[in-house]
Amino acid sequence: MPITVSNRRDGEWIGDFSTWLRSNAADNEEQQDRLRRNLRLALEQELTPRQKEMVALYFHQRMTIPQIAKELSVNRSTVSRTLRRAKDRLYHSLRYAL
């Protein structure tokens, strides 16, 4: 008995559904612009100086956590916790921005 793969989901063809999604997807460029603007403000206003420094090293200079720890003479766990707290602060600040 041959094994068949169904190309249907809930009575619709998967290809038809993905085509429909592409044609009916809302343009989110305005939301992305607003998020970028608010992210810049949140980076300036919500983070501590230490968090700003580590975020800049991690995201802008693409340094790893061990590299940041060595650069700043702190433990890797300190860098990891500081980055986590910074991300949490940014998330809480930005979650209502859209």
PDB file of N, CA and C in Angstrom:
ATOM      1  N   MET A   1       0.851  -1.178   0.000  1.00  0.00           N
ATOM      2  CA  MET A   1       0.000   0.000   0.000  1.00  0.00           C
ATOM      3  C   MET A   1       0.896   1.241   0.000  1.00  0.00           C
ATOM      4  N   PRO A   2       0.759   2.135  -0.993  1.00  0.00           N
ATOM      5  CA  PRO A   2       1.621   3.312  -1.077  1.00  0.00           C
ATOM      6  C   PRO A   2       1.259   4.350  -0.024  1.00  0.00           C
ATOM      7  N   ILE A   3       2.276   5.084   0.416  1.00  0.00           N
ATOM      8  CA  ILE A   3       2.075   6.167   1.379  1.00  0.00           C
ATOM      9  C   ILE A   3       1.832   7.449   0.602  1.00  0.00           C
ATOM     10  N   THR A   4       0.776   8.161   0.947  1.00  0.00           N
ATOM     11  CA  THR A   4       0.473   9.410   0.260  1.00  0.00           C
ATOM     12  C   THR A   4       0.621  10.562   1.226  1.00  0.00           C
ATOM     13  N   VAL A   5       1.054  11.679   0.707  1.00  0.00           N
ATOM     14  CA  VAL A   5       1.198  12.886   1.513  1.00  0.00           C
ATOM     15  C   VAL A   5       0.104  13.849   1.100  1.00  0.00           C
ATOM     16  N   SER A   6      -0.641  14.273   2.045  1.00  0.00           N
ATOM     17  CA  SER A   6      -1.746  15.183   1.763  1.00  0.00           C
ATOM     18  C   SER A   6      -1.236  16.613   1.654  1.00  0.00           C
ATOM     19  N   ASN A   7      -1.675  17.295   0.644  1.00  0.00           N
ATOM     20  CA  ASN A   7      -1.337  18.708   0.467  1.00  0.00           C
ATOM     21  C   ASN A   7      -2.486  19.606   0.892  1.00  0.00           C
ATOM     22  N   ARG A   8      -3.335  19.085   1.719  1.00  0.00           N
ATOM     23  CA  ARG A   8      -4.505  19.856   2.141  1.00  0.00           C
ATOM     24  C   ARG A   8      -4.456  20.104   3.644  1.00  0.00           C
ATOM     25  N   ARG A   9      -4.937  21.254   4.028  1.00  0.00           N
ATOM     26  CA  ARG A   9      -5.051  21.609   5.439  1.00  0.00           C
ATOM     27  C   ARG A   9      -6.414  22.241   5.645  1.00  0.00           C
ATOM     28  N   ASP A  10      -7.234  21.620   6.464  1.00  0.00           N
ATOM     29  CA  ASP A  10      -8.583  22.139   6.762  1.00  0.00           C
ATOM     30  C   ASP A  10      -9.378  22.428   5.493  1.00  0.00           C
ATOM     31  N   GLY A  11      -9.271  21.558   4.511  1.00  0.00           N
ATOM     32  CA  GLY A  11     -10.063  21.715   3.304  1.00  0.00           C
ATOM     33  C   GLY A  11      -9.499  22.675   2.283  1.00  0.00           C
ATOM     34  N   GLU A  12      -8.338  23.250   2.523  1.00  0.00           N
ATOM     35  CA  GLU A  12      -7.716  24.168   1.567  1.00  0.00           C
ATOM     36  C   GLU A  12      -6.384  23.609   1.136  1.00  0.00           C
ATOM     37  N   TRP A  13      -6.010  23.902  -0.064  1.00  0.00           N
ATOM     38  CA  TRP A  13      -4.685  23.538  -0.534  1.00  0.00           C
ATOM     39  C   TRP A  13      -3.667  24.442   0.125  1.00  0.00           C
ATOM     40  N   ILE A  14      -2.562  23.870   0.593  1.00  0.00           N
ATOM     41  CA  ILE A  14      -1.535  24.649   1.285  1.00  0.00           C
ATOM     42  C   ILE A  14      -1.002  25.751   0.382  1.00  0.00           C
ATOM     43  N   GLY A  15      -0.773  25.437  -0.886  1.00  0.00           N
ATOM     44  CA  GLY A  15      -0.273  26.436  -1.831  1.00  0.00           C
ATOM     45  C   GLY A  15      -1.235  27.602  -1.988  1.00  0.00           C
ATOM     46  N   ASP A  16      -2.534  27.299  -2.050  1.00  0.00           N
ATOM     47  CA  ASP A  16      -3.542  28.352  -2.172  1.00  0.00           C
ATOM     48  C   ASP A  16      -3.546  29.240  -0.932  1.00  0.00           C
ATOM     49  N   PHE A  17      -3.378  28.621   0.227  1.00  0.00           N
ATOM     50  CA  PHE A  17      -3.392  29.376   1.472  1.00  0.00           C
ATOM     51  C   PHE A  17      -2.189  30.310   1.556  1.00  0.00           C
ATOM     52  N   SER A  18      -0.996  29.829   1.190  1.00  0.00           N
ATOM     53  CA  SER A  18       0.192  30.685   1.249  1.00  0.00           C
ATOM     54  C   SER A  18       0.094  31.820   0.230  1.00  0.00           C
ATOM     55  N   THR A  19      -0.505  31.559  -0.925  1.00  0.00           N
ATOM     56  CA  THR A  19      -0.719  32.621  -1.908  1.00  0.00           C
ATOM     57  C   THR A  19      -1.681  33.665  -1.355  1.00  0.00           C
ATOM     58  N   TRP A  20      -2.733  33.206  -0.714  1.00  0.00           N
ATOM     59  CA  TRP A  20      -3.696  34.129  -0.118  1.00  0.00           C
ATOM     60  C   TRP A  20      -3.035  34.971   0.964  1.00  0.00           C
ATOM     61  N   LEU A  21      -2.199  34.330   1.814  1.00  0.00           N
ATOM     62  CA  LEU A  21      -1.511  35.086   2.867  1.00  0.00           C
ATOM     63  C   LEU A  21      -0.624  36.172   2.280  1.00  0.00           C
ATOM     64  N   ARG A  22       0.133  35.844   1.247  1.00  0.00           N
ATOM     65  CA  ARG A  22       1.014  36.842   0.634  1.00  0.00           C
ATOM     66  C   ARG A  22       0.218  38.000   0.044  1.00  0.00           C
ATOM     67  N   SER A  23      -0.873  37.711  -0.603  1.00  0.00           N
ATOM     68  CA  SER A  23      -1.642  38.771  -1.248  1.00  0.00           C
ATOM     69  C   SER A  23      -2.421  39.618  -0.247  1.00  0.00           C
ATOM     70  N   ASN A  24      -2.743  39.060   0.914  1.00  0.00           N
ATOM     71  CA  ASN A  24      -3.543  39.786   1.904  1.00  0.00           C
ATOM     72  C   ASN A  24      -2.745  40.240   3.119  1.00  0.00           C
ATOM     73  N   ALA A  25      -1.442  40.044   3.109  1.00  0.00           N
ATOM     74  CA  ALA A  25      -0.617  40.459   4.252  1.00  0.00           C
ATOM     75  C   ALA A  25      -0.562  41.985   4.313  1.00  0.00           C
ATOM     76  N   ALA A  26      -0.710  42.492   5.506  1.00  0.00           N
ATOM     77  CA  ALA A  26      -0.648  43.944   5.695  1.00  0.00           C
ATOM     78  C   ALA A  26       0.796  44.404   5.615  1.00  0.00           C
ATOM     79  N   ASP A  27       0.987  45.587   5.106  1.00  0.00           N
ATOM     80  CA  ASP A  27       2.331  46.163   5.037  1.00  0.00           C
ATOM     81  C   ASP A  27       2.686  46.657   6.431  1.00  0.00           C
ATOM     82  N   ASN A  28       3.753  46.115   6.996  1.00  0.00           N
ATOM     83  CA  ASN A  28       4.106  46.463   8.367  1.00  0.00           C
ATOM     84  C   ASN A  28       5.304  47.406   8.430  1.00  0.00           C
ATOM     85  N   GLU A  29       5.606  48.073   7.342  1.00  0.00           N
ATOM     86  CA  GLU A  29       6.752  48.988   7.328  1.00  0.00           C
ATOM     87  C   GLU A  29       6.567  50.133   8.326  1.00  0.00           C
ATOM     88  N   GLU A  30       5.353  50.638   8.441  1.00  0.00           N
ATOM     89  CA  GLU A  30       5.087  51.725   9.393  1.00  0.00           C
ATOM     90  C   GLU A  30       5.338  51.262  10.822  1.00  0.00           C
ATOM     91  N   GLN A  31       4.909  50.046  11.154  1.00  0.00           N
ATOM     92  CA  GLN A  31       5.144  49.509  12.487  1.00  0.00           C
ATOM     93  C   GLN A  31       6.634  49.321  12.749  1.00  0.00           C
ATOM     94  N   GLN A  32       7.368  48.854  11.749  1.00  0.00           N
ATOM     95  CA  GLN A  32       8.808  48.672  11.905  1.00  0.00           C
ATOM     96  C   GLN A  32       9.512  50.004  12.128  1.00  0.00           C
ATOM     97  N   ASP A  33       9.106  51.032  11.402  1.00  0.00           N
ATOM     98  CA  ASP A  33       9.692  52.361  11.600  1.00  0.00           C
ATOM     99  C   ASP A  33       9.429  52.877  13.010  1.00  0.00           C
ATOM    100  N   ARG A  34       8.203  52.702  13.470  1.00  0.00           N
ATOM    101  CA  ARG A  34       7.842  53.146  14.815  1.00  0.00           C
ATOM    102  C   ARG A  34       8.637  52.368  15.870  1.00  0.00           C
ATOM    103  N   LEU A  35       8.808  51.072  15.655  1.00  0.00           N
ATOM    104  CA  LEU A  35       9.582  50.252  16.588  1.00  0.00           C
ATOM    105  C   LEU A  35      11.042  50.687  16.617  1.00  0.00           C
ATOM    106  N   ARG A  36      11.634  50.960  15.463  1.00  0.00           N
ATOM    107  CA  ARG A  36      13.035  51.423  15.421  1.00  0.00           C
ATOM    108  C   ARG A  36      13.199  52.745  16.170  1.00  0.00           C
ATOM    109  N   ARG A  37      12.261  53.679  15.946  1.00  0.00           N
ATOM    110  CA  ARG A  37      12.310  54.973  16.640  1.00  0.00           C
ATOM    111  C   ARG A  37      12.224  54.782  18.144  1.00  0.00           C
ATOM    112  N   ASN A  38      11.276  53.974  18.568  1.00  0.00           N
ATOM    113  CA  ASN A  38      11.091  53.744  19.992  1.00  0.00           C
ATOM    114  C   ASN A  38      12.246  52.955  20.596  1.00  0.00           C
ATOM    115  N   LEU A  39      12.860  52.082  19.809  1.00  0.00           N
ATOM    116  CA  LEU A  39      14.011  51.342  20.303  1.00  0.00           C
ATOM    117  C   LEU A  39      15.179  52.283  20.583  1.00  0.00           C
ATOM    118  N   ARG A  40      15.410  53.236  19.696  1.00  0.00           N
ATOM    119  CA  ARG A  40      16.475  54.219  19.932  1.00  0.00           C
ATOM    120  C   ARG A  40      16.230  54.980  21.240  1.00  0.00           C
ATOM    121  N   LEU A  41      14.999  55.419  21.433  1.00  0.00           N
ATOM    122  CA  LEU A  41      14.658  56.139  22.662  1.00  0.00           C
ATOM    123  C   LEU A  41      14.813  55.253  23.891  1.00  0.00           C
ATOM    124  N   ALA A  42      14.358  54.030  23.797  1.00  0.00           N
ATOM    125  CA  ALA A  42      14.452  53.117  24.935  1.00  0.00           C
ATOM    126  C   ALA A  42      15.907  52.812  25.268  1.00  0.00           C
ATOM    127  N   LEU A  43      16.738  52.652  24.259  1.00  0.00           N
ATOM    128  CA  LEU A  43      18.161  52.411  24.508  1.00  0.00           C
ATOM    129  C   LEU A  43      18.791  53.577  25.262  1.00  0.00           C
ATOM    130  N   GLU A  44      18.377  54.783  24.935  1.00  0.00           N
ATOM    131  CA  GLU A  44      18.927  55.971  25.594  1.00  0.00           C
ATOM    132  C   GLU A  44      18.356  56.180  26.995  1.00  0.00           C
ATOM    133  N   GLN A  45      17.066  55.936  27.158  1.00  0.00           N
ATOM    134  CA  GLN A  45      16.383  56.338  28.383  1.00  0.00           C
ATOM    135  C   GLN A  45      16.160  55.230  29.403  1.00  0.00           C
ATOM    136  N   GLU A  46      16.072  53.993  28.982  1.00  0.00           N
ATOM    137  CA  GLU A  46      15.667  52.918  29.886  1.00  0.00           C
ATOM    138  C   GLU A  46      16.820  52.104  30.460  1.00  0.00           C
ATOM    139  N   LEU A  47      17.966  52.116  29.802  1.00  0.00           N
ATOM    140  CA  LEU A  47      19.068  51.262  30.240  1.00  0.00           C
ATOM    141  C   LEU A  47      20.057  52.011  31.119  1.00  0.00           C
ATOM    142  N   THR A  48      20.679  51.276  32.018  1.00  0.00           N
ATOM    143  CA  THR A  48      21.746  51.844  32.829  1.00  0.00           C
ATOM    144  C   THR A  48      22.987  52.016  31.954  1.00  0.00           C
ATOM    145  N   PRO A  49      23.940  52.827  32.380  1.00  0.00           N
ATOM    146  CA  PRO A  49      25.169  52.980  31.583  1.00  0.00           C
ATOM    147  C   PRO A  49      25.884  51.649  31.332  1.00  0.00           C
ATOM    148  N   ARG A  50      25.919  50.781  32.322  1.00  0.00           N
ATOM    149  CA  ARG A  50      26.569  49.471  32.170  1.00  0.00           C
ATOM    150  C   ARG A  50      25.827  48.611  31.146  1.00  0.00           C
ATOM    151  N   GLN A  51      24.493  48.636  31.188  1.00  0.00           N
ATOM    152  CA  GLN A  51      23.694  47.889  30.225  1.00  0.00           C
ATOM    153  C   GLN A  51      23.906  48.426  28.812  1.00  0.00           C
ATOM    154  N   LYS A  52      23.929  49.760  28.681  1.00  0.00           N
ATOM    155  CA  LYS A  52      24.170  50.366  27.364  1.00  0.00           C
ATOM    156  C   LYS A  52      25.502  49.912  26.788  1.00  0.00           C
ATOM    157  N   GLU A  53      26.519  49.903  27.632  1.00  0.00           N
ATOM    158  CA  GLU A  53      27.852  49.515  27.189  1.00  0.00           C
ATOM    159  C   GLU A  53      27.860  48.066  26.695  1.00  0.00           C
ATOM    160  N   MET A  54      27.265  47.185  27.474  1.00  0.00           N
ATOM    161  CA  MET A  54      27.260  45.774  27.099  1.00  0.00           C
ATOM    162  C   MET A  54      26.389  45.505  25.881  1.00  0.00           C
ATOM    163  N   VAL A  55      25.267  46.184  25.789  1.00  0.00           N
ATOM    164  CA  VAL A  55      24.400  46.031  24.615  1.00  0.00           C
ATOM    165  C   VAL A  55      25.133  46.502  23.360  1.00  0.00           C
ATOM    166  N   ALA A  56      25.840  47.609  23.460  1.00  0.00           N
ATOM    167  CA  ALA A  56      26.596  48.119  22.305  1.00  0.00           C
ATOM    168  C   ALA A  56      27.685  47.129  21.888  1.00  0.00           C
ATOM    169  N   LEU A  57      28.388  46.579  22.861  1.00  0.00           N
ATOM    170  CA  LEU A  57      29.435  45.611  22.531  1.00  0.00           C
ATOM    171  C   LEU A  57      28.843  44.346  21.914  1.00  0.00           C
ATOM    172  N   TYR A  58      27.747  43.883  22.457  1.00  0.00           N
ATOM    173  CA  TYR A  58      27.143  42.629  22.009  1.00  0.00           C
ATOM    174  C   TYR A  58      26.448  42.760  20.649  1.00  0.00           C
ATOM    175  N   PHE A  59      25.622  43.776  20.489  1.00  0.00           N
ATOM    176  CA  PHE A  59      24.819  43.885  19.278  1.00  0.00           C
ATOM    177  C   PHE A  59      25.486  44.708  18.179  1.00  0.00           C
ATOM    178  N   HIS A  60      26.167  45.774  18.545  1.00  0.00           N
ATOM    179  CA  HIS A  60      26.753  46.649  17.524  1.00  0.00           C
ATOM    180  C   HIS A  60      28.146  46.211  17.106  1.00  0.00           C
ATOM    181  N   GLN A  61      28.938  45.783  18.063  1.00  0.00           N
ATOM    182  CA  GLN A  61      30.293  45.348  17.730  1.00  0.00           C
ATOM    183  C   GLN A  61      30.397  43.837  17.565  1.00  0.00           C
ATOM    184  N   ARG A  62      29.276  43.128  17.758  1.00  0.00           N
ATOM    185  CA  ARG A  62      29.200  41.684  17.554  1.00  0.00           C
ATOM    186  C   ARG A  62      30.211  40.889  18.386  1.00  0.00           C
ATOM    187  N   MET A  63      30.453  41.349  19.596  1.00  0.00           N
ATOM    188  CA  MET A  63      31.349  40.618  20.491  1.00  0.00           C
ATOM    189  C   MET A  63      30.566  39.515  21.195  1.00  0.00           C
ATOM    190  N   THR A  64      31.248  38.440  21.520  1.00  0.00           N
ATOM    191  CA  THR A  64      30.617  37.357  22.263  1.00  0.00           C
ATOM    192  C   THR A  64      30.640  37.684  23.754  1.00  0.00           C
ATOM    193  N   ILE A  65      29.880  36.921  24.522  1.00  0.00           N
ATOM    194  CA  ILE A  65      29.836  37.137  25.968  1.00  0.00           C
ATOM    195  C   ILE A  65      31.221  36.946  26.596  1.00  0.00           C
ATOM    196  N   PRO A  66      31.958  35.898  26.237  1.00  0.00           N
ATOM    197  CA  PRO A  66      33.311  35.780  26.805  1.00  0.00           C
ATOM    198  C   PRO A  66      34.234  36.945  26.417  1.00  0.00           C
ATOM    199  N   GLN A  67      34.107  37.450  25.203  1.00  0.00           N
ATOM    200  CA  GLN A  67      34.918  38.597  24.786  1.00  0.00           C
ATOM    201  C   GLN A  67      34.568  39.843  25.588  1.00  0.00           C
ATOM    202  N   ILE A  68      33.295  40.060  25.808  1.00  0.00           N
ATOM    203  CA  ILE A  68      32.863  41.218  26.604  1.00  0.00           C
ATOM    204  C   ILE A  68      33.367  41.086  28.034  1.00  0.00           C
ATOM    205  N   ALA A  69      33.251  39.881  28.590  1.00  0.00           N
ATOM    206  CA  ALA A  69      33.715  39.648  29.958  1.00  0.00           C
ATOM    207  C   ALA A  69      35.201  39.953  30.084  1.00  0.00           C
ATOM    208  N   LYS A  70      35.965  39.530  29.120  1.00  0.00           N
ATOM    209  CA  LYS A  70      37.407  39.790  29.153  1.00  0.00           C
ATOM    210  C   LYS A  70      37.688  41.281  28.994  1.00  0.00           C
ATOM    211  N   GLU A  71      37.004  41.923  28.071  1.00  0.00           N
ATOM    212  CA  GLU A  71      37.178  43.364  27.811  1.00  0.00           C
ATOM    213  C   GLU A  71      36.878  44.203  29.051  1.00  0.00           C
ATOM    214  N   LEU A  72      35.802  43.842  29.770  1.00  0.00           N
ATOM    215  CA  LEU A  72      35.364  44.628  30.923  1.00  0.00           C
ATOM    216  C   LEU A  72      35.862  44.072  32.255  1.00  0.00           C
ATOM    217  N   SER A  73      36.610  42.998  32.200  1.00  0.00           N
ATOM    218  CA  SER A  73      37.159  42.357  33.410  1.00  0.00           C
ATOM    219  C   SER A  73      36.066  41.961  34.406  1.00  0.00           C
ATOM    220  N   VAL A  74      35.059  41.281  33.894  1.00  0.00           N
ATOM    221  CA  VAL A  74      33.978  40.761  34.737  1.00  0.00           C
ATOM    222  C   VAL A  74      33.738  39.302  34.360  1.00  0.00           C
ATOM    223  N   ASN A  75      32.956  38.611  35.171  1.00  0.00           N
ATOM    224  CA  ASN A  75      32.600  37.220  34.878  1.00  0.00           C
ATOM    225  C   ASN A  75      31.628  37.138  33.709  1.00  0.00           C
ATOM    226  N   ARG A  76      31.678  36.012  33.016  1.00  0.00           N
ATOM    227  CA  ARG A  76      30.729  35.800  31.912  1.00  0.00           C
ATOM    228  C   ARG A  76      29.291  35.816  32.410  1.00  0.00           C
ATOM    229  N   SER A  77      29.072  35.297  33.595  1.00  0.00           N
ATOM    230  CA  SER A  77      27.710  35.280  34.135  1.00  0.00           C
ATOM    231  C   SER A  77      27.195  36.693  34.383  1.00  0.00           C
ATOM    232  N   THR A  78      28.086  37.600  34.751  1.00  0.00           N
ATOM    233  CA  THR A  78      27.696  38.999  34.948  1.00  0.00           C
ATOM    234  C   THR A  78      27.254  39.612  33.632  1.00  0.00           C
ATOM    235  N   VAL A  79      27.996  39.340  32.586  1.00  0.00           N
ATOM    236  CA  VAL A  79      27.637  39.854  31.255  1.00  0.00           C
ATOM    237  C   VAL A  79      26.294  39.274  30.831  1.00  0.00           C
ATOM    238  N   SER A  80      26.141  37.978  30.992  1.00  0.00           N
ATOM    239  CA  SER A  80      24.902  37.318  30.592  1.00  0.00           C
ATOM    240  C   SER A  80      23.700  37.887  31.347  1.00  0.00           C
ATOM    241  N   ARG A  81      23.825  38.037  32.658  1.00  0.00           N
ATOM    242  CA  ARG A  81      22.715  38.588  33.458  1.00  0.00           C
ATOM    243  C   ARG A  81      22.415  40.033  33.080  1.00  0.00           C
ATOM    244  N   THR A  82      23.454  40.810  32.859  1.00  0.00           N
ATOM    245  CA  THR A  82      23.257  42.224  32.502  1.00  0.00           C
ATOM    246  C   THR A  82      22.553  42.340  31.165  1.00  0.00           C
ATOM    247  N   LEU A  83      22.961  41.533  30.194  1.00  0.00           N
ATOM    248  CA  LEU A  83      22.300  41.554  28.881  1.00  0.00           C
ATOM    249  C   LEU A  83      20.844  41.099  28.997  1.00  0.00           C
ATOM    250  N   ARG A  84      20.581  40.089  29.808  1.00  0.00           N
ATOM    251  CA  ARG A  84      19.210  39.609  30.006  1.00  0.00           C
ATOM    252  C   ARG A  84      18.355  40.704  30.614  1.00  0.00           C
ATOM    253  N   ARG A  85      18.866  41.387  31.614  1.00  0.00           N
ATOM    254  CA  ARG A  85      18.107  42.484  32.241  1.00  0.00           C
ATOM    255  C   ARG A  85      17.864  43.619  31.255  1.00  0.00           C
ATOM    256  N   ALA A  86      18.859  43.920  30.439  1.00  0.00           N
ATOM    257  CA  ALA A  86      18.702  44.977  29.434  1.00  0.00           C
ATOM    258  C   ALA A  86      17.630  44.592  28.425  1.00  0.00           C
ATOM    259  N   LYS A  87      17.647  43.357  27.966  1.00  0.00           N
ATOM    260  CA  LYS A  87      16.629  42.889  27.016  1.00  0.00           C
ATOM    261  C   LYS A  87      15.245  42.942  27.645  1.00  0.00           C
ATOM    262  N   ASP A  88      15.156  42.539  28.899  1.00  0.00           N
ATOM    263  CA  ASP A  88      13.864  42.588  29.596  1.00  0.00           C
ATOM    264  C   ASP A  88      13.352  44.023  29.702  1.00  0.00           C
ATOM    265  N   ARG A  89      14.229  44.949  30.055  1.00  0.00           N
ATOM    266  CA  ARG A  89      13.822  46.359  30.158  1.00  0.00           C
ATOM    267  C   ARG A  89      13.356  46.889  28.809  1.00  0.00           C
ATOM    268  N   LEU A  90      14.081  46.545  27.759  1.00  0.00           N
ATOM    269  CA  LEU A  90      13.692  46.996  26.420  1.00  0.00           C
ATOM    270  C   LEU A  90      12.369  46.378  26.011  1.00  0.00           C
ATOM    271  N   TYR A  91      12.194  45.107  26.293  1.00  0.00           N
ATOM    272  CA  TYR A  91      10.935  44.440  25.961  1.00  0.00           C
ATOM    273  C   TYR A  91       9.762  45.113  26.661  1.00  0.00           C
ATOM    274  N   HIS A  92       9.890  45.344  27.948  1.00  0.00           N
ATOM    275  CA  HIS A  92       8.799  45.968  28.706  1.00  0.00           C
ATOM    276  C   HIS A  92       8.537  47.392  28.229  1.00  0.00           C
ATOM    277  N   SER A  93       9.560  48.058  27.799  1.00  0.00           N
ATOM    278  CA  SER A  93       9.404  49.427  27.306  1.00  0.00           C
ATOM    279  C   SER A  93       8.750  49.453  25.929  1.00  0.00           C
ATOM    280  N   LEU A  94       9.029  48.460  25.113  1.00  0.00           N
ATOM    281  CA  LEU A  94       8.579  48.483  23.716  1.00  0.00           C
ATOM    282  C   LEU A  94       7.311  47.674  23.443  1.00  0.00           C
ATOM    283  N   ARG A  95       6.887  46.857  24.361  1.00  0.00           N
ATOM    284  CA  ARG A  95       5.780  45.947  24.040  1.00  0.00           C
ATOM    285  C   ARG A  95       4.481  46.654  23.700  1.00  0.00           C
ATOM    286  N   TYR A  96       4.297  47.867  24.146  1.00  0.00           N
ATOM    287  CA  TYR A  96       3.067  48.599  23.810  1.00  0.00           C
ATOM    288  C   TYR A  96       3.306  49.633  22.709  1.00  0.00           C
ATOM    289  N   ALA A  97       4.500  49.650  22.154  1.00  0.00           N
ATOM    290  CA  ALA A  97       4.851  50.670  21.158  1.00  0.00           C
ATOM    291  C   ALA A  97       4.143  50.451  19.825  1.00  0.00           C
ATOM    292  N   LEU A  98       3.749  49.235  19.555  1.00  0.00           N
ATOM    293  CA  LEU A  98       3.108  48.964  18.277  1.00  0.00           C
ATOM    294  C   LEU A  98       1.614  49.101  18.419  1.00  0.00           C
TER     295      LEU A  98
END
